[in-house]
Amino acid sequence: MTRLMMILFSIISTTLMGVGMIVALVTGYDTLNPLLVAIAIGFVAAFPASWLVAKQITG
């Protein structure tokens, strides 16, 4: 399951980081620090999301 989770993480993390960046830009935060925070939140949120998806696939 770990290998599947890492494969899913590569896809899910880029998606969540992109969504976070778009949300930050739409809400008017267009400087470096808010964008980096949004990207970091997406990166961290991808760990439990990829674990849950891998668990559902192998379940």
N, C-alpha and C. Protein backbone atom coordinates (compact mmCIF):
# COMPACT_ATOMS: atom_id res chain seq x y z
N MET A 1 0.82 -1.19 0.00
CA MET A 1 0.00 0.00 0.00
C MET A 1 0.87 1.26 0.00
N THR A 2 2.08 1.17 0.55
CA THR A 2 2.94 2.35 0.60
C THR A 2 3.34 2.81 -0.80
N ARG A 3 3.65 1.87 -1.67
CA ARG A 3 4.03 2.24 -3.02
C ARG A 3 2.87 2.90 -3.76
N LEU A 4 1.68 2.35 -3.59
CA LEU A 4 0.50 2.94 -4.20
C LEU A 4 0.24 4.34 -3.63
N MET A 5 0.44 4.49 -2.33
CA MET A 5 0.24 5.79 -1.70
C MET A 5 1.21 6.83 -2.26
N MET A 6 2.45 6.45 -2.48
CA MET A 6 3.42 7.41 -3.01
C MET A 6 3.11 7.78 -4.47
N ILE A 7 2.62 6.83 -5.24
CA ILE A 7 2.23 7.14 -6.62
C ILE A 7 1.04 8.09 -6.61
N LEU A 8 0.06 7.80 -5.77
CA LEU A 8 -1.10 8.69 -5.66
C LEU A 8 -0.71 10.04 -5.09
N PHE A 9 0.25 10.07 -4.18
CA PHE A 9 0.68 11.33 -3.59
C PHE A 9 1.24 12.28 -4.64
N SER A 10 1.96 11.76 -5.60
CA SER A 10 2.52 12.63 -6.63
C SER A 10 1.43 13.31 -7.45
N ILE A 11 0.32 12.63 -7.64
CA ILE A 11 -0.79 13.22 -8.40
C ILE A 11 -1.63 14.13 -7.51
N ILE A 12 -1.97 13.64 -6.32
CA ILE A 12 -2.85 14.39 -5.43
C ILE A 12 -2.17 15.65 -4.92
N SER A 13 -0.87 15.59 -4.63
CA SER A 13 -0.20 16.77 -4.09
C SER A 13 -0.13 17.90 -5.12
N THR A 14 0.15 17.57 -6.36
CA THR A 14 0.20 18.64 -7.36
C THR A 14 -1.18 19.24 -7.58
N THR A 15 -2.21 18.41 -7.50
CA THR A 15 -3.57 18.91 -7.65
C THR A 15 -3.95 19.84 -6.50
N LEU A 16 -3.70 19.42 -5.27
CA LEU A 16 -4.06 20.24 -4.11
C LEU A 16 -3.22 21.52 -4.02
N MET A 17 -1.95 21.43 -4.40
CA MET A 17 -1.12 22.63 -4.41
C MET A 17 -1.61 23.61 -5.46
N GLY A 18 -2.02 23.11 -6.62
CA GLY A 18 -2.55 23.99 -7.65
C GLY A 18 -3.86 24.63 -7.26
N VAL A 19 -4.72 23.86 -6.61
CA VAL A 19 -5.99 24.41 -6.14
C VAL A 19 -5.74 25.48 -5.08
N GLY A 20 -4.82 25.22 -4.17
CA GLY A 20 -4.50 26.22 -3.15
C GLY A 20 -3.94 27.49 -3.74
N MET A 21 -3.10 27.35 -4.74
CA MET A 21 -2.52 28.53 -5.38
C MET A 21 -3.60 29.33 -6.12
N ILE A 22 -4.49 28.66 -6.80
CA ILE A 22 -5.57 29.36 -7.51
C ILE A 22 -6.49 30.06 -6.54
N VAL A 23 -6.82 29.41 -5.42
CA VAL A 23 -7.66 30.05 -4.41
C VAL A 23 -6.98 31.29 -3.85
N ALA A 24 -5.69 31.21 -3.59
CA ALA A 24 -4.96 32.37 -3.07
C ALA A 24 -4.94 33.50 -4.09
N LEU A 25 -4.75 33.18 -5.34
CA LEU A 25 -4.72 34.22 -6.37
C LEU A 25 -6.10 34.86 -6.57
N VAL A 26 -7.15 34.06 -6.54
CA VAL A 26 -8.49 34.58 -6.75
C VAL A 26 -8.91 35.48 -5.60
N THR A 27 -8.48 35.15 -4.39
CA THR A 27 -8.85 35.97 -3.23
C THR A 27 -7.99 37.21 -3.08
N GLY A 28 -7.03 37.40 -3.96
CA GLY A 28 -6.25 38.64 -3.97
C GLY A 28 -4.88 38.55 -3.34
N TYR A 29 -4.49 37.40 -2.86
CA TYR A 29 -3.16 37.24 -2.27
C TYR A 29 -2.18 36.86 -3.37
N ASP A 30 -1.53 37.87 -3.93
CA ASP A 30 -0.68 37.61 -5.09
C ASP A 30 0.80 37.87 -4.81
N THR A 31 1.19 37.87 -3.54
CA THR A 31 2.61 38.00 -3.23
C THR A 31 3.18 36.62 -2.89
N LEU A 32 4.47 36.57 -2.66
CA LEU A 32 5.15 35.28 -2.52
C LEU A 32 4.72 34.51 -1.26
N ASN A 33 4.69 35.17 -0.13
CA ASN A 33 4.41 34.45 1.12
C ASN A 33 3.03 33.79 1.16
N PRO A 34 1.94 34.47 0.80
CA PRO A 34 0.65 33.76 0.81
C PRO A 34 0.60 32.60 -0.19
N LEU A 35 1.26 32.74 -1.31
CA LEU A 35 1.29 31.65 -2.28
C LEU A 35 2.05 30.45 -1.74
N LEU A 36 3.17 30.71 -1.07
CA LEU A 36 3.93 29.61 -0.50
C LEU A 36 3.16 28.91 0.62
N VAL A 37 2.43 29.68 1.40
CA VAL A 37 1.61 29.09 2.47
C VAL A 37 0.52 28.22 1.86
N ALA A 38 -0.14 28.70 0.82
CA ALA A 38 -1.19 27.92 0.17
C ALA A 38 -0.63 26.64 -0.44
N ILE A 39 0.54 26.73 -1.04
CA ILE A 39 1.18 25.55 -1.62
C ILE A 39 1.58 24.57 -0.53
N ALA A 40 2.10 25.06 0.58
CA ALA A 40 2.50 24.19 1.69
C ALA A 40 1.30 23.49 2.30
N ILE A 41 0.18 24.20 2.43
CA ILE A 41 -1.03 23.58 2.96
C ILE A 41 -1.51 22.46 2.03
N GLY A 42 -1.46 22.69 0.73
CA GLY A 42 -1.83 21.65 -0.22
C GLY A 42 -0.91 20.44 -0.16
N PHE A 43 0.38 20.69 0.04
CA PHE A 43 1.35 19.60 0.14
C PHE A 43 1.10 18.75 1.38
N VAL A 44 0.86 19.42 2.50
CA VAL A 44 0.63 18.69 3.75
C VAL A 44 -0.72 17.95 3.71
N ALA A 45 -1.72 18.57 3.13
CA ALA A 45 -3.04 17.93 3.06
C ALA A 45 -3.04 16.73 2.13
N ALA A 46 -2.07 16.63 1.26
CA ALA A 46 -2.02 15.51 0.32
C ALA A 46 -1.62 14.19 0.99
N PHE A 47 -0.92 14.25 2.12
CA PHE A 47 -0.53 13.02 2.80
C PHE A 47 -1.73 12.21 3.28
N PRO A 48 -2.63 12.79 4.09
CA PRO A 48 -3.79 11.98 4.51
C PRO A 48 -4.73 11.66 3.36
N ALA A 49 -4.83 12.56 2.40
CA ALA A 49 -5.72 12.30 1.26
C ALA A 49 -5.23 11.11 0.45
N SER A 50 -3.93 11.04 0.18
CA SER A 50 -3.40 9.92 -0.59
C SER A 50 -3.47 8.62 0.20
N TRP A 51 -3.31 8.70 1.52
CA TRP A 51 -3.44 7.50 2.35
C TRP A 51 -4.86 6.98 2.30
N LEU A 52 -5.85 7.88 2.40
CA LEU A 52 -7.24 7.46 2.36
C LEU A 52 -7.62 6.86 1.00
N VAL A 53 -7.15 7.47 -0.07
CA VAL A 53 -7.45 6.93 -1.40
C VAL A 53 -6.80 5.57 -1.60
N ALA A 54 -5.55 5.43 -1.17
CA ALA A 54 -4.88 4.13 -1.30
C ALA A 54 -5.57 3.08 -0.45
N LYS A 55 -6.05 3.46 0.71
CA LYS A 55 -6.76 2.51 1.57
C LYS A 55 -8.07 2.08 0.93
N GLN A 56 -8.77 3.00 0.28
CA GLN A 56 -10.03 2.66 -0.39
C GLN A 56 -9.78 1.76 -1.61
N ILE A 57 -8.68 1.99 -2.31
CA ILE A 57 -8.39 1.18 -3.50
C ILE A 57 -8.04 -0.25 -3.09
N THR A 58 -7.19 -0.39 -2.06
CA THR A 58 -6.75 -1.74 -1.66
C THR A 58 -7.78 -2.42 -0.78
N GLY A 59 -8.68 -1.65 -0.16
CA GLY A 59 -9.65 -2.13 0.81
C GLY A 59 -10.40 -3.34 0.41
